[in-house]
């Protein structure tokens, strides 16, 4: 153990640690790019797992120095070049690195969404780890051979490798966050991997490329990118100090909606600033963005998707006894009353204000005399046109009828406005089906079966058919199952499991929507 007190040993240890870190940068970059494809909850585990496997692999290789030395022995000769096991490993690793880097570059340069559903939400942890292991094997071989050539003591080699890997684990998270937060950095890193892949293939064929050349080129590129990032930072600070970014974005959107495309374009710096803003620094907050999305969808959404079904409306039947009618009036909490007779189609509506005037003038109760005819909307009428008709008719109430003229439900101006602003509480204690949804601690959701699918997707990313002829969760279940679901019946839709909880009189009242894996919280509830 006298070698521990030798200063040259410690100098060699420090030097070897630095070299191991330098040789591990390309491995770390590859791990950062692969980990981005996983859900956020699995990225840290993938990074740590990949680096720990790299540590294990390097320690095993160091413990097998005799076997490692045998890797350089020629196995066969081809084109006047003797290929060893090390050459074959370098060739395979280089080809794999070229393939992966080319595929990633192609995906990003073609403008594909790197966070599409199969990648963002798919269970791909172990395939990603397997790819990390393959590259770990190649990079570990290079690092171990370097360690064997520099230091004579096995414990020093192992200590240097262990310390270097621990430092890489500590640096991996901020490095990954920085790389994935800057698209130009990702392209630069993929270009580095291409260059390293070519160098591995060249070494496999016996053409040694000094690492100094590679790292000099990488260092120069990083310097240029640093200057580019500094320029963008200063440009963003200047843009924010002159005209507020919020105003710039709003004006561009308004120009676009007016058809003034030439004036709607944002300059590159402004659009980059908008696109790179995180949730905390976003130009518009979550509620504002949701309101804009709802407004943009009004021309595609029909009144039947927000109407209150006639079966859920409190109504007064003129054929009932006066005592029963008075009891219903006493319980009423609405400003309008739906009037029927003998269970037939609705005759119209009575305004509470008219009923009050009738009472104030000491007239006897005569609901038939107060009946008004509301607007009549076909069930396929869009919300935008419904809003215009409400404005023109100076009324806030309408019947929704099907193609046979039967009243399917009612819709009010408040219903239309709620599709823009969200839930508007009223004095009634009953919660509107459109907002009757809550999330449980286990990540599942309990929702009203009559909740419109257009409102449900604000909370849950369900794959829906745009040409569907149903509007609610219950309609979705019946369409997929082809029968009225029973309590406890389940349906898998995409990455979600929909379980029926409560069914009464053929009506689905409550459902549970369960994610099939852990998801990132995307929406506020």
Protein backbone atom coordinates (compact mmCIF):
# COMPACT_ATOMS: atom_id res chain seq x y z
CA UNK A 1 0.00 0.00 0.00
CA UNK A 2 3.03 2.31 -0.18
CA UNK A 3 1.89 3.50 -3.60
CA UNK A 4 -0.96 5.45 -1.93
CA UNK A 5 1.56 8.00 -0.62
CA UNK A 6 3.11 8.44 -4.06
CA UNK A 7 2.26 11.93 -5.45
CA UNK A 8 2.48 10.62 -8.99
CA UNK A 9 -0.35 8.23 -8.22
CA UNK A 10 -2.61 11.11 -7.16
CA UNK A 11 -1.57 13.17 -10.18
CA UNK A 12 -2.43 10.23 -12.40
CA UNK A 13 -5.78 9.82 -10.62
CA UNK A 14 -6.75 13.47 -11.19
CA UNK A 15 -5.60 13.36 -14.80
CA UNK A 16 -7.48 10.13 -15.42
CA UNK A 17 -10.67 11.55 -13.86
CA UNK A 18 -10.48 14.55 -16.21
CA UNK A 19 -9.93 12.30 -19.21
CA UNK A 20 -12.78 10.01 -18.19
CA UNK A 21 -15.07 13.03 -17.95
CA UNK A 22 -13.99 14.25 -21.38
CA UNK A 23 -14.49 10.79 -22.89
CA UNK A 24 -17.88 10.51 -21.16
CA UNK A 25 -19.34 13.75 -22.50
CA UNK A 26 -20.49 12.14 -25.76
CA UNK A 27 -22.08 9.30 -23.77
CA UNK A 28 -23.81 11.85 -21.53
CA UNK A 29 -25.16 13.78 -24.54
CA UNK A 30 -26.58 10.60 -26.05
CA UNK A 31 -28.26 9.67 -22.76
CA UNK A 32 -29.77 13.18 -22.47
CA UNK A 33 -31.30 12.98 -25.96
CA UNK A 34 -32.70 9.48 -25.42
CA UNK A 35 -34.10 10.30 -21.96
CA UNK A 36 -36.11 13.17 -23.45
CA UNK A 37 -38.37 10.64 -25.20
CA UNK A 38 -39.58 9.20 -21.90
CA UNK A 39 -42.32 10.63 -19.66
CA UNK A 40 -40.95 13.19 -17.22
CA UNK A 41 -41.37 10.82 -14.27
CA UNK A 42 -39.02 8.26 -15.87
CA UNK A 43 -36.29 10.53 -17.27
CA UNK A 44 -34.22 10.80 -14.10
CA UNK A 45 -34.39 7.05 -13.56
CA UNK A 46 -33.28 6.40 -17.15
CA UNK A 47 -30.31 8.76 -16.83
CA UNK A 48 -29.13 7.32 -13.52
CA UNK A 49 -29.71 3.74 -14.70
CA UNK A 50 -27.72 4.35 -17.89
CA UNK A 51 -24.78 5.90 -16.06
CA UNK A 52 -24.75 3.25 -13.33
CA UNK A 53 -24.70 0.56 -16.01
CA UNK A 54 -21.78 2.40 -17.61
CA UNK A 55 -19.98 2.34 -14.25
CA UNK A 56 -20.66 -1.35 -13.78
CA UNK A 57 -19.49 -2.12 -17.30
CA UNK A 58 -16.24 -0.19 -16.88
CA UNK A 59 -15.46 -1.80 -13.53
CA UNK A 60 -16.05 -5.26 -15.01
CA UNK A 61 -13.82 -4.43 -17.97
CA UNK A 62 -11.09 -3.15 -15.66
CA UNK A 63 -11.30 -6.31 -13.60
CA UNK A 64 -10.79 -8.29 -16.82
CA UNK A 65 -7.65 -6.58 -18.07
CA UNK A 66 -6.26 -9.83 -19.45
CA UNK A 67 -9.43 -10.40 -21.49
CA UNK A 68 -9.38 -6.72 -22.49
CA UNK A 69 -5.85 -7.05 -23.79
CA UNK A 70 -6.98 -9.99 -25.89
CA UNK A 71 -9.49 -7.79 -27.68
CA UNK A 72 -6.66 -6.20 -29.68
CA UNK A 73 -5.47 -9.54 -31.11
CA UNK A 74 -6.27 -9.97 -34.81
CA UNK A 75 -9.17 -12.27 -35.59
CA UNK A 76 -9.18 -12.15 -39.38
CA UNK A 77 -7.77 -10.12 -42.23
CA UNK A 78 -9.85 -8.31 -44.83
CA UNK A 79 -8.58 -5.92 -47.50
CA UNK A 80 -5.09 -6.14 -46.04
CA UNK A 81 -6.31 -5.01 -42.62
CA UNK A 82 -6.30 -7.27 -39.59
CA UNK A 83 -9.56 -6.88 -37.65
CA UNK A 84 -9.60 -7.45 -33.90
CA UNK A 85 -12.55 -7.81 -31.52
CA UNK A 86 -12.03 -4.19 -30.48
CA UNK A 87 -12.26 -3.09 -34.13
CA UNK A 88 -15.52 -4.97 -34.56
CA UNK A 89 -16.97 -3.38 -31.42
CA UNK A 90 -15.94 0.05 -32.67
CA UNK A 91 -17.53 -0.62 -36.07
CA UNK A 92 -20.81 -1.84 -34.59
CA UNK A 93 -20.95 1.03 -32.10
CA UNK A 94 -20.12 3.59 -34.76
CA UNK A 95 -22.79 2.27 -37.13
CA UNK A 96 -25.36 2.22 -34.33
CA UNK A 97 -24.44 5.78 -33.34
CA UNK A 98 -24.67 6.96 -36.96
CA UNK A 99 -28.06 5.28 -37.35
CA UNK A 100 -29.54 6.77 -34.15
CA UNK A 101 -28.13 10.26 -34.74
CA UNK A 102 -29.35 10.26 -38.36
CA UNK A 103 -32.85 9.14 -37.34
CA UNK A 104 -33.03 11.81 -34.62
CA UNK A 105 -31.80 14.52 -36.99
CA UNK A 106 -34.26 13.43 -39.66
CA UNK A 107 -37.13 13.55 -37.15
CA UNK A 108 -36.25 17.06 -35.98
CA UNK A 109 -35.33 18.55 -39.36
CA UNK A 110 -38.59 17.33 -40.91
CA UNK A 111 -40.51 19.19 -38.21
CA UNK A 112 -42.11 16.19 -36.56
CA UNK A 113 -43.45 16.66 -33.06
CA UNK A 114 -40.86 15.16 -30.73
CA UNK A 115 -43.51 14.93 -28.00
CA UNK A 116 -46.10 12.99 -29.99
CA UNK A 117 -48.26 10.63 -28.03
CA UNK A 118 -46.53 7.35 -28.81
CA UNK A 119 -43.21 8.72 -27.60
CA UNK A 120 -44.40 10.96 -24.81
CA UNK A 121 -46.79 8.53 -23.19
CA UNK A 122 -45.68 5.10 -24.40
CA UNK A 123 -44.06 2.58 -22.07
CA UNK A 124 -40.58 2.81 -23.62
CA UNK A 125 -38.34 2.82 -20.56
CA UNK A 126 -36.50 -0.44 -21.12
CA UNK A 127 -36.02 -0.02 -24.91
CA UNK A 128 -34.40 3.36 -24.17
CA UNK A 129 -32.22 1.83 -21.45
CA UNK A 130 -31.23 -0.96 -23.88
CA UNK A 131 -30.03 1.64 -26.39
CA UNK A 132 -28.08 3.38 -23.64
CA UNK A 133 -26.43 0.06 -22.70
CA UNK A 134 -25.29 -0.54 -26.29
CA UNK A 135 -23.57 2.84 -26.46
CA UNK A 136 -22.25 2.43 -22.92
CA UNK A 137 -20.42 -0.68 -24.08
CA UNK A 138 -18.67 1.19 -26.89
CA UNK A 139 -17.80 4.29 -24.89
CA UNK A 140 -16.76 2.21 -21.87
CA UNK A 141 -14.32 0.23 -23.99
CA UNK A 142 -12.67 3.43 -25.21
CA UNK A 143 -12.50 4.89 -21.69
CA UNK A 144 -11.12 1.71 -20.13
CA UNK A 145 -8.42 1.33 -22.76
CA UNK A 146 -7.39 4.93 -22.05
CA UNK A 147 -7.26 4.19 -18.30
CA UNK A 148 -5.16 1.04 -18.79
CA UNK A 149 -2.70 2.96 -20.93
CA UNK A 150 -2.21 5.74 -18.38
CA UNK A 151 -2.15 4.10 -14.93
CA UNK A 152 -0.64 0.85 -13.69
CA UNK A 153 -2.70 0.34 -10.53
CA UNK A 154 -6.12 -1.27 -10.90
CA UNK A 155 -7.60 0.42 -7.81
CA UNK A 156 -6.60 3.84 -9.17
CA UNK A 157 -8.32 3.06 -12.45
CA UNK A 158 -11.49 1.93 -10.69
CA UNK A 159 -11.48 4.95 -8.38
CA UNK A 160 -11.06 7.33 -11.31
CA UNK A 161 -13.89 5.68 -13.24
CA UNK A 162 -16.21 5.68 -10.21
CA UNK A 163 -15.52 9.33 -9.39
CA UNK A 164 -15.99 10.37 -13.02
CA UNK A 165 -19.33 8.54 -13.28
CA UNK A 166 -20.56 10.08 -10.01
CA UNK A 167 -19.68 13.55 -11.30
CA UNK A 168 -21.49 12.76 -14.56
CA UNK A 169 -24.60 11.68 -12.63
CA UNK A 170 -24.60 14.99 -10.75
CA UNK A 171 -24.15 16.97 -13.96
CA UNK A 172 -26.55 14.92 -16.08
CA UNK A 173 -29.81 16.51 -14.91
CA UNK A 174 -28.88 20.19 -15.50
CA UNK A 175 -27.13 19.22 -18.73
CA UNK A 176 -30.22 17.32 -19.93
CA UNK A 177 -32.50 20.22 -19.00
CA UNK A 178 -30.27 22.68 -20.85
CA UNK A 179 -29.90 20.53 -23.97
CA UNK A 180 -33.61 19.73 -24.28
CA UNK A 181 -34.59 23.35 -23.56
CA UNK A 182 -32.65 24.64 -26.58
CA UNK A 183 -33.50 23.03 -29.95
CA UNK A 184 -30.32 24.35 -31.61
CA UNK A 185 -28.24 22.68 -28.89
CA UNK A 186 -29.96 19.36 -29.63
CA UNK A 187 -29.09 19.65 -33.34
CA UNK A 188 -25.50 20.53 -32.43
CA UNK A 189 -25.24 17.54 -30.09
CA UNK A 190 -26.62 15.19 -32.72
CA UNK A 191 -24.03 16.53 -35.16
CA UNK A 192 -21.36 15.75 -32.55
CA UNK A 193 -22.67 12.19 -32.29
CA UNK A 194 -22.50 11.84 -36.07
CA UNK A 195 -18.87 12.97 -36.01
CA UNK A 196 -18.04 10.59 -33.17
CA UNK A 197 -19.77 7.76 -35.02
CA UNK A 198 -17.61 8.40 -38.10
CA UNK A 199 -14.49 8.43 -35.90
CA UNK A 200 -15.44 5.08 -34.35
CA UNK A 201 -15.92 3.53 -37.79
CA UNK A 202 -12.58 4.98 -38.92
CA UNK A 203 -10.86 3.47 -35.88
CA UNK A 204 -12.50 0.16 -36.61
CA UNK A 205 -10.83 0.21 -40.03
CA UNK A 206 -7.49 1.15 -38.50
CA UNK A 207 -7.51 4.89 -39.25
CA UNK A 208 -6.76 6.60 -35.95
CA UNK A 209 -8.20 10.10 -35.61
CA UNK A 210 -6.62 12.06 -32.73
CA UNK A 211 -9.24 12.92 -30.13
CA UNK A 212 -7.80 16.42 -29.90
CA UNK A 213 -9.10 17.21 -33.38
CA UNK A 214 -12.60 16.05 -32.49
CA UNK A 215 -12.78 17.91 -29.21
CA UNK A 216 -11.29 21.05 -30.76
CA UNK A 217 -14.06 21.05 -33.36
CA UNK A 218 -16.67 20.40 -30.68
CA UNK A 219 -15.25 23.16 -28.47
CA UNK A 220 -15.27 25.67 -31.34
CA UNK A 221 -18.88 24.81 -32.17
CA UNK A 222 -19.88 25.18 -28.52
CA UNK A 223 -18.24 28.62 -28.45
CA UNK A 224 -20.20 29.71 -31.52
CA UNK A 225 -23.43 28.38 -30.01
CA UNK A 226 -22.67 30.20 -26.75
CA UNK A 227 -22.36 33.47 -28.67
CA UNK A 228 -25.63 32.65 -30.47
CA UNK A 229 -27.44 32.03 -27.16
CA UNK A 230 -26.01 35.26 -25.73
CA UNK A 231 -27.23 37.17 -28.79
CA UNK A 232 -30.73 35.70 -28.41
CA UNK A 233 -30.80 36.54 -24.71
CA UNK A 234 -29.89 40.18 -25.37
CA UNK A 235 -32.42 40.37 -28.23
CA UNK A 236 -35.21 39.01 -26.02
CA UNK A 237 -34.36 41.50 -23.29
CA UNK A 238 -34.55 44.32 -25.83
CA UNK A 239 -37.90 43.11 -27.21
CA UNK A 240 -39.40 42.86 -23.74
CA UNK A 241 -38.28 46.37 -22.83
CA UNK A 242 -39.74 48.14 -25.91
CA UNK A 243 -43.16 46.70 -26.79
CA UNK A 244 -44.61 44.14 -24.34
CA UNK A 245 -44.52 40.64 -25.77
CA UNK A 246 -48.15 40.15 -24.79
CA UNK A 247 -49.17 43.08 -26.99
CA UNK A 248 -47.03 41.88 -29.90
CA UNK A 249 -48.60 38.42 -29.78
CA UNK A 250 -52.16 39.71 -29.43
CA UNK A 251 -51.73 42.06 -32.41
CA UNK A 252 -50.32 39.24 -34.54
CA UNK A 253 -53.27 36.97 -33.70
CA UNK A 254 -55.80 39.71 -34.48
CA UNK A 255 -54.14 40.47 -37.81
CA UNK A 256 -54.27 36.77 -38.66
CA UNK A 257 -57.98 36.52 -37.81
CA UNK A 258 -58.71 39.54 -40.00
CA UNK A 259 -56.93 37.88 -42.92
CA UNK A 260 -54.01 40.32 -42.81
CA UNK A 261 -51.38 37.61 -43.11
CA UNK A 262 -48.53 39.93 -44.06
CA UNK A 263 -48.99 41.99 -40.90
CA UNK A 264 -49.60 38.94 -38.71
CA UNK A 265 -46.09 37.54 -38.95
CA UNK A 266 -43.89 37.78 -35.86
CA UNK A 267 -40.21 38.37 -36.40
CA UNK A 268 -37.95 35.39 -35.70
CA UNK A 269 -36.77 36.67 -32.35
CA UNK A 270 -40.27 37.40 -31.06
CA UNK A 271 -41.70 34.07 -32.18
CA UNK A 272 -38.72 32.29 -30.62
CA UNK A 273 -39.32 34.16 -27.37
CA UNK A 274 -42.98 33.13 -27.39
CA UNK A 275 -42.19 29.51 -28.25
CA UNK A 276 -39.44 29.09 -25.68
CA UNK A 277 -41.41 30.59 -22.79
CA UNK A 278 -42.16 28.08 -20.06
CA UNK A 279 -45.38 27.69 -18.10
CA UNK A 280 -44.29 30.28 -15.54
CA UNK A 281 -43.18 32.84 -18.15
CA UNK A 282 -45.87 32.18 -20.76
CA UNK A 283 -47.29 35.23 -22.54
CA UNK A 284 -50.86 34.17 -21.74
CA UNK A 285 -51.80 32.20 -18.64
CA UNK A 286 -53.56 28.84 -18.71
CA UNK A 287 -57.10 30.27 -18.29
CA UNK A 288 -56.59 32.73 -21.12
CA UNK A 289 -55.27 30.05 -23.44
CA UNK A 290 -58.23 27.79 -22.65
CA UNK A 291 -60.65 30.64 -23.39
CA UNK A 292 -58.99 31.26 -26.76
CA UNK A 293 -59.22 27.56 -27.60
CA UNK A 294 -62.94 27.52 -26.71
CA UNK A 295 -63.65 30.63 -28.78
CA UNK A 296 -61.85 29.15 -31.80
CA UNK A 297 -63.98 26.00 -31.51
CA UNK A 298 -67.36 27.73 -31.37
CA UNK A 299 -67.83 27.50 -35.12
CA UNK A 300 -67.37 23.69 -35.01
CA UNK A 301 -69.35 22.92 -31.86
CA UNK A 302 -73.13 22.43 -32.05
CA UNK A 303 -75.80 23.50 -29.57
CA UNK A 304 -76.68 19.87 -28.92
CA UNK A 305 -73.29 19.44 -27.25
CA UNK A 306 -74.10 22.00 -24.53
CA UNK A 307 -77.88 21.73 -24.22
CA UNK A 308 -79.66 20.50 -21.10
CA UNK A 309 -81.63 17.40 -22.00
CA UNK A 310 -85.38 17.75 -21.59
CA UNK A 311 -85.26 14.80 -19.18
CA UNK A 312 -83.12 16.87 -16.80
CA UNK A 313 -85.31 19.98 -16.90
CA UNK A 314 -87.78 20.82 -14.16
CA UNK A 315 -91.13 21.41 -15.86
CA UNK A 316 -94.71 22.13 -14.90
CA UNK A 317 -97.49 20.06 -16.35
CA UNK A 318 -100.73 22.05 -16.71
CA UNK A 319 -102.72 18.85 -16.20
CA UNK A 320 -101.43 18.57 -12.61
CA UNK A 321 -103.56 19.73 -9.71
CA UNK A 322 -103.21 23.37 -8.52
CA UNK A 323 -101.63 22.14 -5.29
CA UNK A 324 -98.94 20.22 -7.16
CA UNK A 325 -98.25 23.22 -9.42
CA UNK A 326 -97.95 25.54 -6.40
CA UNK A 327 -95.54 23.09 -4.74
CA UNK A 328 -93.37 23.06 -7.85
CA UNK A 329 -93.41 26.86 -8.03
CA UNK A 330 -92.36 27.01 -4.39
CA UNK A 331 -89.33 24.78 -5.08
CA UNK A 332 -88.34 26.53 -8.29
CA UNK A 333 -84.95 28.27 -8.48
CA UNK A 334 -84.93 29.20 -12.16
CA UNK A 335 -85.95 32.37 -13.99
CA UNK A 336 -87.92 30.43 -16.62
CA UNK A 337 -90.33 27.53 -16.35
CA UNK A 338 -90.83 24.87 -18.99
CA UNK A 339 -94.56 24.23 -19.51
CA UNK A 340 -96.01 20.94 -20.75
CA UNK A 341 -99.47 19.36 -20.75
CA UNK A 342 -100.33 15.69 -20.37
CA UNK A 343 -96.67 14.79 -20.92
CA UNK A 344 -96.70 16.12 -24.49
CA UNK A 345 -94.11 18.25 -26.23
CA UNK A 346 -93.25 21.47 -24.36
CA UNK A 347 -95.79 24.25 -25.00
CA UNK A 348 -93.30 27.01 -24.27
CA UNK A 349 -91.78 28.81 -21.30
CA UNK A 350 -93.05 31.14 -18.60
CA UNK A 351 -90.83 33.91 -17.28
CA UNK A 352 -90.82 34.31 -13.52
CA UNK A 353 -91.01 38.09 -13.97
CA UNK A 354 -94.34 37.68 -15.81
CA UNK A 355 -95.58 35.43 -13.03
CA UNK A 356 -94.60 38.08 -10.48
CA UNK A 357 -96.45 40.82 -12.40
CA UNK A 358 -99.54 38.62 -12.57
CA UNK A 359 -99.39 38.08 -8.82
CA UNK A 360 -98.78 41.79 -8.04
CA UNK A 361 -101.94 42.74 -9.94
CA UNK A 362 -103.93 40.30 -7.78
CA UNK A 363 -104.81 38.11 -10.73
CA UNK A 364 -105.43 34.42 -10.30
CA UNK A 365 -102.69 32.01 -11.35
CA UNK A 366 -102.95 31.45 -15.11
CA UNK A 367 -99.78 29.91 -16.49
CA UNK A 368 -101.28 29.25 -19.93
CA UNK A 369 -101.74 32.98 -20.47
CA UNK A 370 -98.07 33.66 -19.71
CA UNK A 371 -96.57 31.09 -22.08
CA UNK A 372 -93.98 32.51 -24.48
CA UNK A 373 -92.47 30.81 -27.48
CA UNK A 374 -88.66 30.69 -27.27
CA UNK A 375 -86.21 30.47 -30.13
CA UNK A 376 -86.02 27.14 -31.95
CA UNK A 377 -82.54 25.83 -32.77
CA UNK A 378 -81.84 22.76 -34.90
CA UNK A 379 -79.55 20.40 -33.02
CA UNK A 380 -76.69 20.88 -35.52
CA UNK A 381 -76.65 24.68 -35.23
CA UNK A 382 -73.18 25.92 -34.31
CA UNK A 383 -72.60 27.93 -31.15
CA UNK A 384 -71.38 30.91 -33.15
CA UNK A 385 -74.64 31.12 -35.11
CA UNK A 386 -76.63 30.48 -31.93
CA UNK A 387 -74.92 33.44 -30.30
CA UNK A 388 -75.87 35.65 -33.25
CA UNK A 389 -79.50 34.53 -33.09
CA UNK A 390 -79.63 35.20 -29.35
CA UNK A 391 -78.31 38.70 -30.01
CA UNK A 392 -80.80 39.40 -32.79
CA UNK A 393 -83.85 37.99 -30.97
CA UNK A 394 -83.04 39.72 -27.66
CA UNK A 395 -83.78 36.54 -25.74
CA UNK A 396 -81.68 34.15 -23.68
CA UNK A 397 -83.62 30.89 -24.07
CA UNK A 398 -84.12 28.41 -26.92
CA UNK A 399 -85.47 24.93 -27.60
CA UNK A 400 -83.21 22.45 -29.40
CA UNK A 401 -85.10 20.20 -31.81
CA UNK A 402 -84.08 17.19 -33.88
CA UNK A 403 -84.82 16.59 -37.57
CA UNK A 404 -88.34 15.41 -36.71
CA UNK A 405 -89.16 18.57 -34.77
CA UNK A 406 -89.10 16.91 -31.35
CA UNK A 407 -87.67 18.98 -28.53
CA UNK A 408 -84.42 17.37 -27.36
CA UNK A 409 -83.45 19.96 -24.77
CA UNK A 410 -82.98 23.63 -24.01
CA UNK A 411 -80.03 25.96 -24.32
CA UNK A 412 -79.54 29.43 -22.86
CA UNK A 413 -77.21 32.33 -23.52
CA UNK A 414 -75.43 31.46 -20.25
CA UNK A 415 -74.70 27.99 -21.62
CA UNK A 416 -73.03 29.54 -24.68
CA UNK A 417 -71.00 31.97 -22.58
CA UNK A 418 -69.88 29.17 -20.27
CA UNK A 419 -68.22 27.45 -23.21
CA UNK A 420 -65.92 30.48 -23.36
CA UNK A 421 -65.48 31.54 -19.74
CA UNK A 422 -65.93 28.21 -18.00
CA UNK A 423 -68.30 27.42 -15.16
CA UNK A 424 -70.48 30.36 -14.08
CA UNK A 425 -71.96 29.47 -10.67
CA UNK A 426 -75.65 30.09 -10.07
CA UNK A 427 -77.97 29.80 -7.08
CA UNK A 428 -78.89 26.25 -7.92
CA UNK A 429 -77.10 23.64 -5.84
CA UNK A 430 -76.95 21.21 -8.75
CA UNK A 431 -73.61 21.08 -10.56
CA UNK A 432 -73.74 21.33 -14.33
CA UNK A 433 -72.74 18.06 -15.99
CA UNK A 434 -70.16 19.96 -18.04
CA UNK A 435 -68.13 20.67 -14.90
CA UNK A 436 -69.01 17.60 -12.84
CA UNK A 437 -65.54 16.08 -12.89
CA UNK A 438 -62.89 15.66 -10.22
CA UNK A 439 -59.54 13.95 -9.96
CA UNK A 440 -58.78 11.39 -7.26
CA UNK A 441 -55.51 10.92 -5.45
CA UNK A 442 -54.65 7.86 -7.54
CA UNK A 443 -54.76 9.94 -10.74
CA UNK A 444 -58.12 8.66 -12.01
CA UNK A 445 -61.10 10.91 -12.74
CA UNK A 446 -64.75 10.67 -11.67
CA UNK A 447 -67.01 12.34 -14.24
CA UNK A 448 -70.69 12.77 -14.97
CA UNK A 449 -71.85 10.46 -17.75
CA UNK A 450 -73.62 13.40 -19.41
CA UNK A 451 -70.46 15.49 -19.60
CA UNK A 452 -69.82 16.69 -23.18
CA UNK A 453 -66.69 15.24 -24.73
CA UNK A 454 -65.59 18.70 -25.87
CA UNK A 455 -65.35 19.71 -22.21
CA UNK A 456 -63.82 16.40 -21.13
CA UNK A 457 -60.81 16.79 -23.43
CA UNK A 458 -59.88 19.96 -21.53
CA UNK A 459 -58.91 17.61 -18.70
CA UNK A 460 -58.16 14.28 -20.38
CA UNK A 461 -56.51 13.61 -23.74
CA UNK A 462 -58.94 11.05 -25.09
CA UNK A 463 -58.65 10.05 -28.77
CA UNK A 464 -62.00 11.04 -30.32
CA UNK A 465 -63.52 10.58 -33.75
CA UNK A 466 -64.11 14.01 -35.27
CA UNK A 467 -67.06 12.68 -37.29
CA UNK A 468 -68.89 11.21 -34.29
CA UNK A 469 -72.65 11.74 -33.94
CA UNK A 470 -72.66 11.63 -30.12
CA UNK A 471 -71.56 14.32 -27.67
CA UNK A 472 -71.32 12.87 -24.14
CA UNK A 473 -69.33 10.23 -22.30
CA UNK A 474 -72.47 8.08 -22.14
CA UNK A 475 -72.86 8.41 -25.91
CA UNK A 476 -69.24 7.35 -26.37
CA UNK A 477 -69.76 4.24 -24.24
CA UNK A 478 -72.93 3.25 -26.07
CA UNK A 479 -71.33 3.80 -29.47
CA UNK A 480 -68.27 1.70 -28.61
CA UNK A 481 -70.11 -1.07 -26.72
CA UNK A 482 -73.23 -1.08 -28.95
CA UNK A 483 -75.45 -1.48 -25.90
CA UNK A 484 -76.38 0.39 -22.73
CA UNK A 485 -73.47 -0.20 -20.34
CA UNK A 486 -74.00 -1.80 -16.97
CA UNK A 487 -72.37 -0.73 -13.70
CA UNK A 488 -68.83 -2.10 -13.55
CA UNK A 489 -68.49 -2.51 -17.32
CA UNK A 490 -65.19 -1.27 -18.75
CA UNK A 491 -63.98 0.12 -22.06
CA UNK A 492 -60.38 0.81 -23.05
CA UNK A 493 -59.94 3.86 -25.27
CA UNK A 494 -56.39 4.70 -26.21
CA UNK A 495 -54.35 4.97 -23.04
CA UNK A 496 -57.39 5.24 -20.76
CA UNK A 497 -59.80 2.78 -19.15
CA UNK A 498 -63.39 4.00 -18.78
CA UNK A 499 -65.34 2.18 -16.07
CA UNK A 500 -69.09 2.67 -15.61
CA UNK A 501 -69.96 3.36 -11.96
CA UNK A 502 -73.64 4.33 -11.80
CA UNK A 503 -76.45 3.47 -14.24
CA UNK A 504 -80.10 4.27 -13.55
CA UNK A 505 -83.04 3.84 -15.93
CA UNK A 506 -80.67 3.21 -18.86
CA UNK A 507 -78.83 6.48 -18.12
CA UNK A 508 -75.14 6.55 -17.26
CA UNK A 509 -74.70 8.90 -14.31
CA UNK A 510 -71.10 8.36 -13.19
CA UNK A 511 -67.98 6.96 -14.81
CA UNK A 512 -64.39 6.53 -13.69
CA UNK A 513 -61.63 7.30 -16.19
CA UNK A 514 -58.38 5.57 -15.25
CA UNK A 515 -54.96 6.21 -16.87
CA UNK A 516 -53.16 3.03 -17.80
CA UNK A 517 -49.83 4.52 -16.62
CA UNK A 518 -48.57 7.54 -14.73
CA UNK A 519 -49.11 10.77 -16.63
CA UNK A 520 -47.86 14.34 -16.39
CA UNK A 521 -50.41 16.85 -15.02
CA UNK A 522 -51.32 18.97 -18.05
CA UNK A 523 -54.47 20.70 -16.91
CA UNK A 524 -55.73 22.52 -13.87
CA UNK A 525 -58.87 21.18 -12.24
